Amino acid sequence: MNTLELDSRGHLCPFPLIEAKKAIETLATGDVLVIKYDCAQATENIPRWAAEAGHEVTDFEQIGDAQWRMEIKKG
């Protein structure tokens, strides 16, 4: 299993979601994308997209004031 880390902090929505979509395309099934971001809209948009695309959010935490970290396992 490979893990790719993506830091989208400082990028306004919808860029964290767009970057996550591009990044996960480079991964094999079962690999994990770790994304850090500070766009509040992405806390809803990224999990919704992941579920619709067949991926699984395996971890989701707030890591600071208006900053989050999410792990997505590619389905």
N, C-alpha and C. Protein backbone atom coordinates (compact mmCIF):
# COMPACT_ATOMS: atom_id res chain seq x y z
N MET A 1 0.85 -1.18 0.00
CA MET A 1 0.00 0.00 0.00
C MET A 1 0.89 1.24 0.00
N ASN A 2 0.58 2.17 -0.88
CA ASN A 2 1.30 3.44 -0.95
C ASN A 2 0.44 4.55 -0.36
N THR A 3 1.09 5.58 0.14
CA THR A 3 0.40 6.74 0.67
C THR A 3 0.94 7.98 -0.02
N LEU A 4 0.03 8.83 -0.49
CA LEU A 4 0.38 10.09 -1.12
C LEU A 4 -0.14 11.21 -0.24
N GLU A 5 0.73 12.15 0.11
CA GLU A 5 0.32 13.29 0.94
C GLU A 5 0.14 14.51 0.06
N LEU A 6 -0.97 15.21 0.27
CA LEU A 6 -1.31 16.40 -0.49
C LEU A 6 -1.64 17.51 0.49
N ASP A 7 -0.92 18.61 0.39
CA ASP A 7 -1.17 19.76 1.28
C ASP A 7 -1.84 20.86 0.47
N SER A 8 -3.14 21.03 0.69
CA SER A 8 -3.91 22.05 -0.04
C SER A 8 -4.24 23.25 0.84
N ARG A 9 -3.56 23.36 1.97
CA ARG A 9 -3.83 24.51 2.83
C ARG A 9 -3.45 25.80 2.10
N GLY A 10 -4.33 26.79 2.24
CA GLY A 10 -4.12 28.05 1.55
C GLY A 10 -4.80 28.12 0.19
N HIS A 11 -5.35 27.01 -0.27
CA HIS A 11 -6.04 26.98 -1.55
C HIS A 11 -7.55 27.10 -1.30
N LEU A 12 -8.18 28.02 -1.97
CA LEU A 12 -9.62 28.22 -1.79
C LEU A 12 -10.41 27.13 -2.48
N CYS A 13 -11.62 26.88 -1.99
CA CYS A 13 -12.51 25.93 -2.64
C CYS A 13 -12.85 26.43 -4.04
N PRO A 14 -12.97 25.57 -5.00
CA PRO A 14 -13.00 24.11 -4.91
C PRO A 14 -11.64 23.43 -5.14
N PHE A 15 -10.54 24.17 -5.04
CA PHE A 15 -9.25 23.58 -5.40
C PHE A 15 -8.83 22.37 -4.58
N PRO A 16 -9.07 22.29 -3.26
CA PRO A 16 -8.72 21.05 -2.56
C PRO A 16 -9.41 19.81 -3.15
N LEU A 17 -10.66 19.96 -3.54
CA LEU A 17 -11.39 18.84 -4.14
C LEU A 17 -10.81 18.50 -5.51
N ILE A 18 -10.55 19.51 -6.33
CA ILE A 18 -9.98 19.28 -7.66
C ILE A 18 -8.61 18.60 -7.53
N GLU A 19 -7.79 19.08 -6.60
CA GLU A 19 -6.47 18.49 -6.40
C GLU A 19 -6.58 17.05 -5.90
N ALA A 20 -7.55 16.78 -5.02
CA ALA A 20 -7.75 15.42 -4.52
C ALA A 20 -8.15 14.48 -5.66
N LYS A 21 -9.03 14.93 -6.52
CA LYS A 21 -9.46 14.10 -7.66
C LYS A 21 -8.28 13.76 -8.55
N LYS A 22 -7.44 14.75 -8.85
CA LYS A 22 -6.27 14.51 -9.70
C LYS A 22 -5.28 13.57 -9.01
N ALA A 23 -5.05 13.79 -7.72
CA ALA A 23 -4.07 12.99 -6.99
C ALA A 23 -4.48 11.53 -6.89
N ILE A 24 -5.76 11.28 -6.64
CA ILE A 24 -6.20 9.89 -6.43
C ILE A 24 -6.14 9.09 -7.73
N GLU A 25 -6.20 9.78 -8.88
CA GLU A 25 -6.08 9.09 -10.16
C GLU A 25 -4.70 8.46 -10.33
N THR A 26 -3.69 8.99 -9.64
CA THR A 26 -2.33 8.47 -9.76
C THR A 26 -2.09 7.26 -8.87
N LEU A 27 -3.05 6.93 -8.00
CA LEU A 27 -2.89 5.85 -7.04
C LEU A 27 -3.54 4.56 -7.54
N ALA A 28 -3.06 3.45 -7.01
CA ALA A 28 -3.66 2.14 -7.29
C ALA A 28 -4.76 1.87 -6.26
N THR A 29 -5.65 0.97 -6.59
CA THR A 29 -6.71 0.57 -5.67
C THR A 29 -6.08 0.11 -4.35
N GLY A 30 -6.62 0.62 -3.25
CA GLY A 30 -6.12 0.26 -1.93
C GLY A 30 -5.09 1.25 -1.38
N ASP A 31 -4.54 2.10 -2.26
CA ASP A 31 -3.60 3.12 -1.80
C ASP A 31 -4.36 4.22 -1.07
N VAL A 32 -3.63 5.05 -0.33
CA VAL A 32 -4.25 6.07 0.52
C VAL A 32 -3.77 7.46 0.12
N LEU A 33 -4.72 8.37 0.02
CA LEU A 33 -4.44 9.78 -0.18
C LEU A 33 -4.67 10.49 1.14
N VAL A 34 -3.67 11.23 1.61
CA VAL A 34 -3.80 12.04 2.82
C VAL A 34 -3.82 13.49 2.37
N ILE A 35 -4.90 14.19 2.65
CA ILE A 35 -5.02 15.58 2.23
C ILE A 35 -5.21 16.47 3.45
N LYS A 36 -4.43 17.55 3.49
CA LYS A 36 -4.58 18.57 4.52
C LYS A 36 -5.12 19.81 3.83
N TYR A 37 -6.10 20.44 4.46
CA TYR A 37 -6.74 21.60 3.82
C TYR A 37 -7.33 22.52 4.88
N ASP A 38 -7.66 23.73 4.45
CA ASP A 38 -8.25 24.71 5.37
C ASP A 38 -9.48 25.39 4.78
N CYS A 39 -10.11 24.74 3.84
CA CYS A 39 -11.35 25.24 3.23
C CYS A 39 -12.52 24.49 3.86
N ALA A 40 -13.35 25.19 4.61
CA ALA A 40 -14.45 24.54 5.34
C ALA A 40 -15.40 23.78 4.43
N GLN A 41 -15.64 24.28 3.22
CA GLN A 41 -16.55 23.59 2.30
C GLN A 41 -16.06 22.19 1.96
N ALA A 42 -14.75 22.01 1.95
CA ALA A 42 -14.18 20.71 1.59
C ALA A 42 -14.49 19.64 2.62
N THR A 43 -14.84 20.04 3.86
CA THR A 43 -15.19 19.03 4.87
C THR A 43 -16.45 18.28 4.47
N GLU A 44 -17.26 18.87 3.62
CA GLU A 44 -18.45 18.19 3.09
C GLU A 44 -18.21 17.67 1.68
N ASN A 45 -17.56 18.50 0.83
CA ASN A 45 -17.39 18.16 -0.58
C ASN A 45 -16.51 16.94 -0.81
N ILE A 46 -15.40 16.86 -0.08
CA ILE A 46 -14.47 15.76 -0.32
C ILE A 46 -15.07 14.42 0.10
N PRO A 47 -15.66 14.28 1.31
CA PRO A 47 -16.28 12.98 1.64
C PRO A 47 -17.42 12.59 0.70
N ARG A 48 -18.20 13.58 0.25
CA ARG A 48 -19.30 13.28 -0.68
C ARG A 48 -18.75 12.74 -1.99
N TRP A 49 -17.73 13.41 -2.54
CA TRP A 49 -17.12 12.95 -3.77
C TRP A 49 -16.52 11.56 -3.58
N ALA A 50 -15.81 11.35 -2.47
CA ALA A 50 -15.16 10.05 -2.23
C ALA A 50 -16.19 8.93 -2.23
N ALA A 51 -17.31 9.13 -1.53
CA ALA A 51 -18.35 8.10 -1.47
C ALA A 51 -18.94 7.85 -2.85
N GLU A 52 -19.21 8.91 -3.59
CA GLU A 52 -19.80 8.76 -4.92
C GLU A 52 -18.84 8.06 -5.88
N ALA A 53 -17.53 8.27 -5.68
CA ALA A 53 -16.52 7.70 -6.57
C ALA A 53 -16.08 6.30 -6.13
N GLY A 54 -16.60 5.81 -5.01
CA GLY A 54 -16.28 4.47 -4.55
C GLY A 54 -15.05 4.38 -3.67
N HIS A 55 -14.62 5.52 -3.12
CA HIS A 55 -13.47 5.54 -2.22
C HIS A 55 -13.99 5.59 -0.78
N GLU A 56 -13.08 5.33 0.17
CA GLU A 56 -13.48 5.29 1.58
C GLU A 56 -12.66 6.28 2.40
N VAL A 57 -13.36 7.14 3.13
CA VAL A 57 -12.68 8.03 4.07
C VAL A 57 -12.37 7.21 5.31
N THR A 58 -11.08 6.99 5.59
CA THR A 58 -10.68 6.13 6.70
C THR A 58 -10.28 6.91 7.94
N ASP A 59 -10.00 8.20 7.78
CA ASP A 59 -9.66 9.04 8.93
C ASP A 59 -9.98 10.48 8.58
N PHE A 60 -10.47 11.23 9.58
CA PHE A 60 -10.84 12.62 9.36
C PHE A 60 -10.70 13.33 10.69
N GLU A 61 -9.84 14.35 10.74
CA GLU A 61 -9.63 15.05 12.00
C GLU A 61 -9.34 16.53 11.77
N GLN A 62 -9.68 17.32 12.76
CA GLN A 62 -9.32 18.73 12.74
C GLN A 62 -7.94 18.84 13.35
N ILE A 63 -7.01 19.50 12.64
CA ILE A 63 -5.62 19.56 13.09
C ILE A 63 -5.22 20.96 13.52
N GLY A 64 -6.15 21.90 13.49
CA GLY A 64 -5.86 23.27 13.91
C GLY A 64 -7.08 24.13 13.69
N ASP A 65 -6.93 25.42 13.95
CA ASP A 65 -8.03 26.33 13.69
C ASP A 65 -8.32 26.34 12.20
N ALA A 66 -9.52 25.88 11.83
CA ALA A 66 -9.95 25.82 10.43
C ALA A 66 -8.96 25.05 9.56
N GLN A 67 -8.41 23.96 10.08
CA GLN A 67 -7.54 23.09 9.31
C GLN A 67 -7.93 21.64 9.59
N TRP A 68 -7.95 20.85 8.52
CA TRP A 68 -8.36 19.45 8.64
C TRP A 68 -7.40 18.54 7.90
N ARG A 69 -7.45 17.27 8.29
CA ARG A 69 -6.66 16.21 7.66
C ARG A 69 -7.59 15.04 7.38
N MET A 70 -7.55 14.53 6.16
CA MET A 70 -8.43 13.43 5.78
C MET A 70 -7.63 12.37 5.06
N GLU A 71 -7.91 11.12 5.39
CA GLU A 71 -7.32 9.99 4.68
C GLU A 71 -8.41 9.33 3.83
N ILE A 72 -8.09 9.12 2.57
CA ILE A 72 -9.04 8.49 1.64
C ILE A 72 -8.39 7.27 1.01
N LYS A 73 -9.01 6.12 1.20
CA LYS A 73 -8.52 4.88 0.61
C LYS A 73 -9.18 4.71 -0.75
N LYS A 74 -8.35 4.56 -1.78
CA LYS A 74 -8.89 4.44 -3.15
C LYS A 74 -9.63 3.12 -3.32
N GLY A 75 -10.85 3.22 -3.82
CA GLY A 75 -11.67 2.03 -4.04
C GLY A 75 -11.52 1.48 -5.43
